[in-house]
Amino acid sequence: MTTAAGATVAASEASAAFQMETEAIPTWPIVVGAFAAVVFAGSGWWRLRRIPIRPWRFGPGAGLVTFILAIVAGAVSSSIAMMVMGVELNEQSPLSEILPIMLVGWFAQLGVAACLPMIRSVVDPPMTFRDYRMPRRGSSCPDRRKPRWVASIAGLFGLLFFWPMTLAAAGLAGLLWQFFTTEPPSVIAHTFLGQLADAGPSAASVSTIVAVIILPAVVEETLYRGLLQESLRRAKLFSSGAPWQSIILASLLFTAMHIGAVDPHGLAGLFVLSLGFGWVYAKTGRLTASITMHMAFNAGNILLAVPWL
């Protein structure tokens, strides 16, 4: 009887604690995100039946090979940088050690992406005279994309919908995480943001913030949208060539590459956010749109997560 009573009391206390922790998770992001999703779906903006036509200057094979080489180059160069510096990154590493290693990885990936013309000459089959005519402006494959400044506005417009949806997805995933593990999700889902918040104001912190706002957006959108997503759509790998199928596939890989750096509930939000990046890129045909959207999200996320700004 005593054991049973004790178990009942313990279960009641655990249930009460879970309810209190659940109440601590704000519900307004879920409500706002659901409203944004309803408006986005009802407006029909999500449809990608007629995507902008633009010149195609490399084949799907060259795009996929370049993407893989860039990912490998980023990982290898970062490992070499850590060996040269004699450091091993962890949650207690100072920003003065983290920033140089991240810069090495980012610039290594950009360097591989810049080698796309050379990779294309090896991977893509020889082009015929008709193929050479296709990418030229005004010929049989004209560039019908919107101007870059219009694409930038589209990126900011897309963030108005996908940021609330991102918060809603992360909030719902946080509730599920807490339900199954009885552990409340962390307020800051990204490990690096937590390190930045704890670092305090300094020259290294400010430099890191500027780099984190700009470089990941440029590098990741070039790789995951400009190379991977578009190559998957053109090659019709694991899909029928429909834009949304390639967006989902690229977003799944984008999210998987952040495992370990982002908490599980944050990964759910990151996947939804990546869908937004892919959507605005497909809608406009411009990396400018997804890069602008990515930069704006990074800046806003840092402003919310870092208390000393």
C-alpha atoms as a PDB file:
ATOM      1  CA  MET A   1       0.000   0.000   0.000  1.00  0.00           C
ATOM      2  CA  THR A   2       2.747   2.412   0.916  1.00  0.00           C
ATOM      3  CA  THR A   3       4.625   1.697  -2.292  1.00  0.00           C
ATOM      4  CA  ALA A   4       1.490   2.081  -4.384  1.00  0.00           C
ATOM      5  CA  ALA A   5       0.580   5.314  -2.639  1.00  0.00           C
ATOM      6  CA  GLY A   6       4.084   6.650  -3.117  1.00  0.00           C
ATOM      7  CA  ALA A   7       3.986   5.766  -6.812  1.00  0.00           C
ATOM      8  CA  THR A   8       0.632   7.513  -7.159  1.00  0.00           C
ATOM      9  CA  VAL A   9       1.921  10.652  -5.461  1.00  0.00           C
ATOM     10  CA  ALA A  10       5.079  10.592  -7.596  1.00  0.00           C
ATOM     11  CA  ALA A  11       3.020  10.192 -10.736  1.00  0.00           C
ATOM     12  CA  SER A  12       0.773  13.090  -9.703  1.00  0.00           C
ATOM     13  CA  GLU A  13       3.776  15.299  -8.994  1.00  0.00           C
ATOM     14  CA  ALA A  14       5.354  14.377 -12.323  1.00  0.00           C
ATOM     15  CA  SER A  15       2.086  15.146 -14.104  1.00  0.00           C
ATOM     16  CA  ALA A  16       1.795  18.516 -12.348  1.00  0.00           C
ATOM     17  CA  ALA A  17       5.419  19.327 -13.150  1.00  0.00           C
ATOM     18  CA  PHE A  18       4.855  18.453 -16.799  1.00  0.00           C
ATOM     19  CA  GLN A  19       1.777  20.691 -16.924  1.00  0.00           C
ATOM     20  CA  MET A  20       3.708  23.582 -15.406  1.00  0.00           C
ATOM     21  CA  GLU A  21       6.581  23.099 -17.835  1.00  0.00           C
ATOM     22  CA  THR A  22       4.168  22.829 -20.745  1.00  0.00           C
ATOM     23  CA  GLU A  23       2.490  26.058 -19.696  1.00  0.00           C
ATOM     24  CA  ALA A  24       5.912  27.699 -19.709  1.00  0.00           C
ATOM     25  CA  ILE A  25       6.133  27.064 -23.454  1.00  0.00           C
ATOM     26  CA  PRO A  26       4.363  30.005 -25.130  1.00  0.00           C
ATOM     27  CA  THR A  27       1.438  29.023 -27.322  1.00  0.00           C
ATOM     28  CA  TRP A  28       1.165  32.266 -29.271  1.00  0.00           C
ATOM     29  CA  PRO A  29       3.878  31.293 -31.817  1.00  0.00           C
ATOM     30  CA  ILE A  30       1.891  28.141 -32.613  1.00  0.00           C
ATOM     31  CA  VAL A  31      -1.297  30.145 -33.108  1.00  0.00           C
ATOM     32  CA  VAL A  32       0.380  32.803 -35.236  1.00  0.00           C
ATOM     33  CA  GLY A  33       2.231  30.171 -37.247  1.00  0.00           C
ATOM     34  CA  ALA A  34      -0.975  28.242 -37.897  1.00  0.00           C
ATOM     35  CA  PHE A  35      -2.643  31.459 -39.081  1.00  0.00           C
ATOM     36  CA  ALA A  36       0.297  32.201 -41.389  1.00  0.00           C
ATOM     37  CA  ALA A  37       0.116  28.665 -42.808  1.00  0.00           C
ATOM     38  CA  VAL A  38      -3.612  29.008 -43.479  1.00  0.00           C
ATOM     39  CA  VAL A  39      -3.139  32.345 -45.232  1.00  0.00           C
ATOM     40  CA  PHE A  40      -0.185  31.040 -47.251  1.00  0.00           C
ATOM     41  CA  ALA A  41      -2.072  27.915 -48.337  1.00  0.00           C
ATOM     42  CA  GLY A  42      -5.311  29.752 -49.065  1.00  0.00           C
ATOM     43  CA  SER A  43      -3.632  32.461 -51.118  1.00  0.00           C
ATOM     44  CA  GLY A  44      -2.269  29.996 -53.654  1.00  0.00           C
ATOM     45  CA  TRP A  45       1.214  31.536 -53.466  1.00  0.00           C
ATOM     46  CA  TRP A  46       2.627  28.107 -52.696  1.00  0.00           C
ATOM     47  CA  ARG A  47       1.858  26.886 -56.205  1.00  0.00           C
ATOM     48  CA  LEU A  48       4.899  26.506 -58.439  1.00  0.00           C
ATOM     49  CA  ARG A  49       3.308  25.425 -61.680  1.00  0.00           C
ATOM     50  CA  ARG A  50       5.041  28.094 -63.761  1.00  0.00           C
ATOM     51  CA  ILE A  51       8.481  28.795 -62.402  1.00  0.00           C
ATOM     52  CA  PRO A  52      10.600  31.532 -64.018  1.00  0.00           C
ATOM     53  CA  ILE A  53      12.656  30.404 -66.990  1.00  0.00           C
ATOM     54  CA  ARG A  54      16.358  31.107 -66.691  1.00  0.00           C
ATOM     55  CA  PRO A  55      19.513  30.035 -68.500  1.00  0.00           C
ATOM     56  CA  TRP A  56      20.862  26.657 -67.429  1.00  0.00           C
ATOM     57  CA  ARG A  57      24.645  26.852 -67.566  1.00  0.00           C
ATOM     58  CA  PHE A  58      25.521  23.445 -66.080  1.00  0.00           C
ATOM     59  CA  GLY A  59      24.036  19.978 -66.083  1.00  0.00           C
ATOM     60  CA  PRO A  60      22.500  18.158 -63.093  1.00  0.00           C
ATOM     61  CA  GLY A  61      25.520  15.884 -62.832  1.00  0.00           C
ATOM     62  CA  ALA A  62      27.948  18.771 -62.504  1.00  0.00           C
ATOM     63  CA  GLY A  63      25.666  20.454 -59.963  1.00  0.00           C
ATOM     64  CA  LEU A  64      25.397  17.382 -57.743  1.00  0.00           C
ATOM     65  CA  VAL A  65      29.127  16.596 -57.954  1.00  0.00           C
ATOM     66  CA  THR A  66      30.002  20.194 -57.071  1.00  0.00           C
ATOM     67  CA  PHE A  67      27.623  20.095 -54.111  1.00  0.00           C
ATOM     68  CA  ILE A  68      29.147  16.880 -52.741  1.00  0.00           C
ATOM     69  CA  LEU A  69      32.699  18.130 -53.215  1.00  0.00           C
ATOM     70  CA  ALA A  70      31.847  21.409 -51.468  1.00  0.00           C
ATOM     71  CA  ILE A  71      30.387  19.597 -48.436  1.00  0.00           C
ATOM     72  CA  VAL A  72      33.445  17.357 -48.205  1.00  0.00           C
ATOM     73  CA  ALA A  73      35.816  20.306 -48.648  1.00  0.00           C
ATOM     74  CA  GLY A  74      34.117  22.212 -45.834  1.00  0.00           C
ATOM     75  CA  ALA A  75      34.412  19.302 -43.412  1.00  0.00           C
ATOM     76  CA  VAL A  76      38.007  18.453 -44.333  1.00  0.00           C
ATOM     77  CA  SER A  77      39.255  22.044 -44.278  1.00  0.00           C
ATOM     78  CA  SER A  78      37.630  22.671 -40.889  1.00  0.00           C
ATOM     79  CA  SER A  79      39.285  19.543 -39.483  1.00  0.00           C
ATOM     80  CA  ILE A  80      42.665  20.618 -40.854  1.00  0.00           C
ATOM     81  CA  ALA A  81      42.204  24.098 -39.367  1.00  0.00           C
ATOM     82  CA  MET A  82      41.502  22.587 -35.941  1.00  0.00           C
ATOM     83  CA  MET A  83      44.620  20.427 -36.205  1.00  0.00           C
ATOM     84  CA  VAL A  84      46.777  23.398 -37.200  1.00  0.00           C
ATOM     85  CA  MET A  85      45.365  25.547 -34.393  1.00  0.00           C
ATOM     86  CA  GLY A  86      45.607  22.673 -31.946  1.00  0.00           C
ATOM     87  CA  VAL A  87      42.025  23.057 -30.720  1.00  0.00           C
ATOM     88  CA  GLU A  88      38.949  20.872 -30.474  1.00  0.00           C
ATOM     89  CA  LEU A  89      35.659  22.732 -30.598  1.00  0.00           C
ATOM     90  CA  ASN A  90      33.059  22.166 -27.907  1.00  0.00           C
ATOM     91  CA  GLU A  91      30.373  24.130 -26.086  1.00  0.00           C
ATOM     92  CA  GLN A  92      33.012  25.913 -23.979  1.00  0.00           C
ATOM     93  CA  SER A  93      35.207  26.989 -26.890  1.00  0.00           C
ATOM     94  CA  PRO A  94      35.775  30.767 -27.153  1.00  0.00           C
ATOM     95  CA  LEU A  95      34.600  32.651 -30.215  1.00  0.00           C
ATOM     96  CA  SER A  96      38.220  33.494 -31.055  1.00  0.00           C
ATOM     97  CA  GLU A  97      38.690  29.777 -31.832  1.00  0.00           C
ATOM     98  CA  ILE A  98      35.278  29.103 -33.382  1.00  0.00           C
ATOM     99  CA  LEU A  99      35.205  31.954 -35.917  1.00  0.00           C
ATOM    100  CA  PRO A 100      38.471  31.156 -37.802  1.00  0.00           C
ATOM    101  CA  ILE A 101      37.493  27.515 -38.198  1.00  0.00           C
ATOM    102  CA  MET A 102      34.031  28.410 -39.473  1.00  0.00           C
ATOM    103  CA  LEU A 103      35.527  30.905 -41.929  1.00  0.00           C
ATOM    104  CA  VAL A 104      37.903  28.256 -43.276  1.00  0.00           C
ATOM    105  CA  GLY A 105      35.002  25.864 -43.861  1.00  0.00           C
ATOM    106  CA  TRP A 106      32.772  28.459 -45.512  1.00  0.00           C
ATOM    107  CA  PHE A 107      35.433  29.777 -47.871  1.00  0.00           C
ATOM    108  CA  ALA A 108      36.482  26.242 -48.782  1.00  0.00           C
ATOM    109  CA  GLN A 109      32.904  25.517 -49.842  1.00  0.00           C
ATOM    110  CA  LEU A 110      32.689  28.735 -51.832  1.00  0.00           C
ATOM    111  CA  GLY A 111      36.007  27.890 -53.472  1.00  0.00           C
ATOM    112  CA  VAL A 112      34.674  24.546 -54.675  1.00  0.00           C
ATOM    113  CA  ALA A 113      31.470  26.177 -55.925  1.00  0.00           C
ATOM    114  CA  ALA A 114      33.592  28.644 -57.912  1.00  0.00           C
ATOM    115  CA  CYS A 115      35.206  25.643 -59.643  1.00  0.00           C
ATOM    116  CA  LEU A 116      31.855  24.656 -61.156  1.00  0.00           C
ATOM    117  CA  PRO A 117      32.905  25.540 -64.751  1.00  0.00           C
ATOM    118  CA  MET A 118      35.892  23.183 -64.502  1.00  0.00           C
ATOM    119  CA  ILE A 119      33.801  20.448 -62.905  1.00  0.00           C
ATOM    120  CA  ARG A 120      31.202  20.908 -65.625  1.00  0.00           C
ATOM    121  CA  SER A 121      33.812  20.371 -68.327  1.00  0.00           C
ATOM    122  CA  VAL A 122      34.664  16.987 -66.778  1.00  0.00           C
ATOM    123  CA  VAL A 123      31.254  15.726 -65.652  1.00  0.00           C
ATOM    124  CA  ASP A 124      28.830  17.068 -68.253  1.00  0.00           C
ATOM    125  CA  PRO A 125      28.800  15.481 -71.726  1.00  0.00           C
ATOM    126  CA  PRO A 126      30.156  17.559 -74.611  1.00  0.00           C
ATOM    127  CA  MET A 127      27.710  20.248 -75.688  1.00  0.00           C
ATOM    128  CA  THR A 128      26.460  20.510 -79.236  1.00  0.00           C
ATOM    129  CA  PHE A 129      26.081  23.745 -81.140  1.00  0.00           C
ATOM    130  CA  ARG A 130      22.396  23.840 -80.229  1.00  0.00           C
ATOM    131  CA  ASP A 131      23.230  23.349 -76.544  1.00  0.00           C
ATOM    132  CA  TYR A 132      25.580  26.315 -76.613  1.00  0.00           C
ATOM    133  CA  ARG A 133      22.781  28.507 -77.898  1.00  0.00           C
ATOM    134  CA  MET A 134      20.350  27.544 -75.136  1.00  0.00           C
ATOM    135  CA  PRO A 135      21.751  29.582 -72.236  1.00  0.00           C
ATOM    136  CA  ARG A 136      22.129  32.825 -74.180  1.00  0.00           C
ATOM    137  CA  ARG A 137      19.815  35.638 -73.258  1.00  0.00           C
ATOM    138  CA  GLY A 138      17.184  36.379 -75.864  1.00  0.00           C
ATOM    139  CA  SER A 139      17.634  33.055 -77.668  1.00  0.00           C
ATOM    140  CA  SER A 140      15.535  29.905 -77.337  1.00  0.00           C
ATOM    141  CA  CYS A 141      16.044  29.979 -73.551  1.00  0.00           C
ATOM    142  CA  PRO A 142      15.603  33.616 -72.467  1.00  0.00           C
ATOM    143  CA  ASP A 143      16.110  34.755 -68.904  1.00  0.00           C
ATOM    144  CA  ARG A 144      12.633  35.625 -67.636  1.00  0.00           C
ATOM    145  CA  ARG A 145      13.485  36.083 -63.990  1.00  0.00           C
ATOM    146  CA  LYS A 146      12.517  39.167 -62.029  1.00  0.00           C
ATOM    147  CA  PRO A 147      15.195  41.785 -61.220  1.00  0.00           C
ATOM    148  CA  ARG A 148      17.340  41.095 -58.183  1.00  0.00           C
ATOM    149  CA  TRP A 149      15.818  43.914 -56.147  1.00  0.00           C
ATOM    150  CA  VAL A 150      12.366  42.415 -56.721  1.00  0.00           C
ATOM    151  CA  ALA A 151      13.725  39.027 -55.635  1.00  0.00           C
ATOM    152  CA  SER A 152      15.098  40.605 -52.444  1.00  0.00           C
ATOM    153  CA  ILE A 153      11.675  42.016 -51.603  1.00  0.00           C
ATOM    154  CA  ALA A 154      10.159  38.602 -52.311  1.00  0.00           C
ATOM    155  CA  GLY A 155      12.604  37.077 -49.838  1.00  0.00           C
ATOM    156  CA  LEU A 156      11.538  39.464 -47.085  1.00  0.00           C
ATOM    157  CA  PHE A 157       7.885  38.895 -47.975  1.00  0.00           C
ATOM    158  CA  GLY A 158       8.364  35.134 -47.757  1.00  0.00           C
ATOM    159  CA  LEU A 159       9.944  35.459 -44.322  1.00  0.00           C
ATOM    160  CA  LEU A 160       6.746  37.097 -43.028  1.00  0.00           C
ATOM    161  CA  PHE A 161       5.023  33.753 -43.590  1.00  0.00           C
ATOM    162  CA  PHE A 162       7.737  31.216 -42.944  1.00  0.00           C
ATOM    163  CA  TRP A 163       9.188  32.678 -39.755  1.00  0.00           C
ATOM    164  CA  PRO A 164       5.886  32.247 -37.845  1.00  0.00           C
ATOM    165  CA  MET A 165       5.505  28.776 -39.375  1.00  0.00           C
ATOM    166  CA  THR A 166       9.064  27.961 -38.288  1.00  0.00           C
ATOM    167  CA  LEU A 167       8.337  29.015 -34.699  1.00  0.00           C
ATOM    168  CA  ALA A 168       5.099  27.026 -34.734  1.00  0.00           C
ATOM    169  CA  ALA A 169       6.830  23.866 -35.971  1.00  0.00           C
ATOM    170  CA  ALA A 170       9.579  24.228 -33.358  1.00  0.00           C
ATOM    171  CA  GLY A 171       6.973  24.880 -30.638  1.00  0.00           C
ATOM    172  CA  LEU A 172       4.922  21.803 -31.519  1.00  0.00           C
ATOM    173  CA  ALA A 173       8.067  19.678 -31.696  1.00  0.00           C
ATOM    174  CA  GLY A 174       9.110  21.081 -28.312  1.00  0.00           C
ATOM    175  CA  LEU A 175       5.793  20.030 -26.784  1.00  0.00           C
ATOM    176  CA  LEU A 176       6.200  16.519 -28.202  1.00  0.00           C
ATOM    177  CA  TRP A 177       9.780  16.368 -26.962  1.00  0.00           C
ATOM    178  CA  GLN A 178       8.658  17.379 -23.479  1.00  0.00           C
ATOM    179  CA  PHE A 179       5.774  14.914 -23.531  1.00  0.00           C
ATOM    180  CA  PHE A 180       7.942  11.903 -24.385  1.00  0.00           C
ATOM    181  CA  THR A 181      11.079  12.836 -22.418  1.00  0.00           C
ATOM    182  CA  THR A 182       9.546  14.936 -19.573  1.00  0.00           C
ATOM    183  CA  GLU A 183      12.390  17.388 -20.212  1.00  0.00           C
ATOM    184  CA  PRO A 184      11.566  20.970 -21.205  1.00  0.00           C
ATOM    185  CA  PRO A 185      13.139  21.998 -24.520  1.00  0.00           C
ATOM    186  CA  SER A 186      15.904  24.571 -24.416  1.00  0.00           C
ATOM    187  CA  VAL A 187      14.960  28.162 -25.148  1.00  0.00           C
ATOM    188  CA  ILE A 188      17.863  28.525 -27.610  1.00  0.00           C
ATOM    189  CA  ALA A 189      17.792  25.527 -29.947  1.00  0.00           C
ATOM    190  CA  HIS A 190      21.072  26.266 -31.720  1.00  0.00           C
ATOM    191  CA  THR A 191      24.242  25.478 -29.755  1.00  0.00           C
ATOM    192  CA  PHE A 192      26.247  28.275 -31.344  1.00  0.00           C
ATOM    193  CA  LEU A 193      23.614  30.889 -30.466  1.00  0.00           C
ATOM    194  CA  GLY A 194      23.921  29.855 -26.846  1.00  0.00           C
ATOM    195  CA  GLN A 195      27.694  30.303 -27.002  1.00  0.00           C
ATOM    196  CA  LEU A 196      27.259  33.710 -28.600  1.00  0.00           C
ATOM    197  CA  ALA A 197      24.768  34.787 -25.940  1.00  0.00           C
ATOM    198  CA  ASP A 198      27.153  33.766 -23.155  1.00  0.00           C
ATOM    199  CA  ALA A 199      30.218  35.387 -24.738  1.00  0.00           C
ATOM    200  CA  GLY A 200      29.222  38.973 -24.046  1.00  0.00           C
ATOM    201  CA  PRO A 201      30.083  42.062 -26.100  1.00  0.00           C
ATOM    202  CA  SER A 202      33.557  42.129 -27.611  1.00  0.00           C
ATOM    203  CA  ALA A 203      35.311  42.637 -30.931  1.00  0.00           C
ATOM    204  CA  ALA A 204      35.304  38.875 -31.505  1.00  0.00           C
ATOM    205  CA  SER A 205      31.567  38.687 -30.747  1.00  0.00           C
ATOM    206  CA  VAL A 206      30.666  41.504 -33.124  1.00  0.00           C
ATOM    207  CA  SER A 207      32.860  40.061 -35.882  1.00  0.00           C
ATOM    208  CA  THR A 208      31.258  36.658 -35.386  1.00  0.00           C
ATOM    209  CA  ILE A 209      27.757  38.120 -35.567  1.00  0.00           C
ATOM    210  CA  VAL A 210      28.491  39.888 -38.861  1.00  0.00           C
ATOM    211  CA  ALA A 211      30.034  36.734 -40.322  1.00  0.00           C
ATOM    212  CA  VAL A 212      27.182  34.500 -39.138  1.00  0.00           C
ATOM    213  CA  ILE A 213      24.541  36.781 -40.617  1.00  0.00           C
ATOM    214  CA  ILE A 214      26.129  36.972 -44.073  1.00  0.00           C
ATOM    215  CA  LEU A 215      28.337  33.986 -44.890  1.00  0.00           C
ATOM    216  CA  PRO A 216      26.100  31.004 -43.976  1.00  0.00           C
ATOM    217  CA  ALA A 217      23.285  32.535 -46.012  1.00  0.00           C
ATOM    218  CA  VAL A 218      25.479  32.963 -49.094  1.00  0.00           C
ATOM    219  CA  VAL A 219      27.210  29.584 -48.794  1.00  0.00           C
ATOM    220  CA  GLU A 220      24.211  27.443 -47.859  1.00  0.00           C
ATOM    221  CA  GLU A 221      21.845  28.965 -50.396  1.00  0.00           C
ATOM    222  CA  THR A 222      24.430  28.582 -53.154  1.00  0.00           C
ATOM    223  CA  LEU A 223      24.940  24.920 -52.277  1.00  0.00           C
ATOM    224  CA  TYR A 224      21.507  23.715 -51.209  1.00  0.00           C
ATOM    225  CA  ARG A 225      19.320  25.792 -53.485  1.00  0.00           C
ATOM    226  CA  GLY A 226      21.497  26.825 -56.426  1.00  0.00           C
ATOM    227  CA  LEU A 227      23.233  23.453 -56.825  1.00  0.00           C
ATOM    228  CA  LEU A 228      21.348  20.694 -54.997  1.00  0.00           C
ATOM    229  CA  GLN A 229      17.697  21.719 -55.330  1.00  0.00           C
ATOM    230  CA  GLU A 230      17.942  22.800 -58.945  1.00  0.00           C
ATOM    231  CA  SER A 231      20.014  19.775 -59.933  1.00  0.00           C
ATOM    232  CA  LEU A 232      17.500  17.409 -58.320  1.00  0.00           C
ATOM    233  CA  ARG A 233      14.669  19.101 -60.181  1.00  0.00           C
ATOM    234  CA  ARG A 234      16.466  18.984 -63.524  1.00  0.00           C
ATOM    235  CA  ALA A 235      17.689  15.420 -63.103  1.00  0.00           C
ATOM    236  CA  LYS A 236      14.303  14.270 -61.727  1.00  0.00           C
ATOM    237  CA  LEU A 237      16.104  12.188 -59.100  1.00  0.00           C
ATOM    238  CA  PHE A 238      13.666  10.581 -56.648  1.00  0.00           C
ATOM    239  CA  SER A 239      10.957  12.813 -58.094  1.00  0.00           C
ATOM    240  CA  SER A 240       9.076  13.636 -61.245  1.00  0.00           C
ATOM    241  CA  GLY A 241      10.861  16.941 -61.598  1.00  0.00           C
ATOM    242  CA  ALA A 242       8.141  18.816 -59.690  1.00  0.00           C
ATOM    243  CA  PRO A 243       9.580  21.860 -57.873  1.00  0.00           C
ATOM    244  CA  TRP A 244       8.107  20.989 -54.470  1.00  0.00           C
ATOM    245  CA  GLN A 245       9.566  17.489 -54.518  1.00  0.00           C
ATOM    246  CA  SER A 246      13.066  18.829 -55.082  1.00  0.00           C
ATOM    247  CA  ILE A 247      12.482  21.500 -52.408  1.00  0.00           C
ATOM    248  CA  ILE A 248      11.483  18.859 -49.849  1.00  0.00           C
ATOM    249  CA  LEU A 249      14.428  16.596 -50.713  1.00  0.00           C
ATOM    250  CA  ALA A 250      16.938  19.448 -50.483  1.00  0.00           C
ATOM    251  CA  SER A 251      15.360  20.621 -47.201  1.00  0.00           C
ATOM    252  CA  LEU A 252      15.599  17.147 -45.683  1.00  0.00           C
ATOM    253  CA  LEU A 253      19.319  17.031 -46.416  1.00  0.00           C
ATOM    254  CA  PHE A 254      19.758  20.643 -45.253  1.00  0.00           C
ATOM    255  CA  THR A 255      18.122  19.758 -41.939  1.00  0.00           C
ATOM    256  CA  ALA A 256      20.091  16.526 -41.561  1.00  0.00           C
ATOM    257  CA  MET A 257      23.365  18.423 -41.963  1.00  0.00           C
ATOM    258  CA  HIS A 258      22.472  20.461 -38.855  1.00  0.00           C
ATOM    259  CA  ILE A 259      21.999  17.440 -36.583  1.00  0.00           C
ATOM    260  CA  GLY A 260      24.238  17.876 -33.587  1.00  0.00           C
ATOM    261  CA  ALA A 261      24.311  21.667 -33.827  1.00  0.00           C
ATOM    262  CA  VAL A 262      20.542  22.142 -33.414  1.00  0.00           C
ATOM    263  CA  ASP A 263      18.273  20.558 -30.796  1.00  0.00           C
ATOM    264  CA  PRO A 264      15.672  18.032 -32.066  1.00  0.00           C
ATOM    265  CA  HIS A 265      12.735  20.416 -31.724  1.00  0.00           C
ATOM    266  CA  GLY A 266      14.743  23.094 -33.495  1.00  0.00           C
ATOM    267  CA  LEU A 267      15.316  20.751 -36.435  1.00  0.00           C
ATOM    268  CA  ALA A 268      11.566  20.678 -37.083  1.00  0.00           C
ATOM    269  CA  GLY A 269      11.517  24.454 -37.350  1.00  0.00           C
ATOM    270  CA  LEU A 270      14.667  24.442 -39.471  1.00  0.00           C
ATOM    271  CA  PHE A 271      13.021  22.065 -41.959  1.00  0.00           C
ATOM    272  CA  VAL A 272      10.026  24.389 -42.359  1.00  0.00           C
ATOM    273  CA  LEU A 273      12.351  27.364 -42.754  1.00  0.00           C
ATOM    274  CA  SER A 274      14.319  25.521 -45.431  1.00  0.00           C
ATOM    275  CA  LEU A 275      11.086  24.877 -47.299  1.00  0.00           C
ATOM    276  CA  GLY A 276      10.625  28.641 -47.350  1.00  0.00           C
ATOM    277  CA  PHE A 277      14.109  29.203 -48.741  1.00  0.00           C
ATOM    278  CA  GLY A 278      13.467  26.631 -51.453  1.00  0.00           C
ATOM    279  CA  TRP A 279      10.047  28.039 -52.262  1.00  0.00           C
ATOM    280  CA  VAL A 280      11.182  31.638 -52.697  1.00  0.00           C
ATOM    281  CA  TYR A 281      14.131  30.509 -54.829  1.00  0.00           C
ATOM    282  CA  ALA A 282      11.884  28.446 -57.104  1.00  0.00           C
ATOM    283  CA  LYS A 283       9.290  31.219 -57.227  1.00  0.00           C
ATOM    284  CA  THR A 284      11.739  33.913 -58.318  1.00  0.00           C
ATOM    285  CA  GLY A 285      14.524  31.886 -59.937  1.00  0.00           C
ATOM    286  CA  ARG A 286      16.998  34.059 -58.033  1.00  0.00           C
ATOM    287  CA  LEU A 287      19.394  33.069 -55.271  1.00  0.00           C
ATOM    288  CA  THR A 288      19.122  36.713 -54.239  1.00  0.00           C
ATOM    289  CA  ALA A 289      15.657  35.952 -52.841  1.00  0.00           C
ATOM    290  CA  SER A 290      16.649  33.005 -50.657  1.00  0.00           C
ATOM    291  CA  ILE A 291      19.915  34.653 -49.565  1.00  0.00           C
ATOM    292  CA  THR A 292      18.041  37.793 -48.474  1.00  0.00           C
ATOM    293  CA  MET A 293      15.477  35.701 -46.630  1.00  0.00           C
ATOM    294  CA  HIS A 294      18.231  33.663 -44.967  1.00  0.00           C
ATOM    295  CA  MET A 295      20.205  36.757 -43.908  1.00  0.00           C
ATOM    296  CA  ALA A 296      17.113  38.435 -42.469  1.00  0.00           C
ATOM    297  CA  PHE A 297      16.272  35.322 -40.469  1.00  0.00           C
ATOM    298  CA  ASN A 298      19.834  35.016 -39.151  1.00  0.00           C
ATOM    299  CA  ALA A 299      19.857  38.661 -38.086  1.00  0.00           C
ATOM    300  CA  GLY A 300      16.460  38.460 -36.393  1.00  0.00           C
ATOM    301  CA  ASN A 301      17.299  35.175 -34.688  1.00  0.00           C
ATOM    302  CA  ILE A 302      20.501  36.626 -33.258  1.00  0.00           C
ATOM    303  CA  LEU A 303      18.698  39.746 -32.038  1.00  0.00           C
ATOM    304  CA  LEU A 304      16.182  37.574 -30.189  1.00  0.00           C
ATOM    305  CA  ALA A 305      18.696  35.103 -28.786  1.00  0.00           C
ATOM    306  CA  VAL A 306      21.579  37.382 -27.734  1.00  0.00           C
ATOM    307  CA  PRO A 307      20.513  39.516 -24.735  1.00  0.00           C
ATOM    308  CA  TRP A 308      23.423  41.965 -24.835  1.00  0.00           C
ATOM    309  CA  LEU A 309      22.568  43.321 -28.297  1.00  0.00           C
END
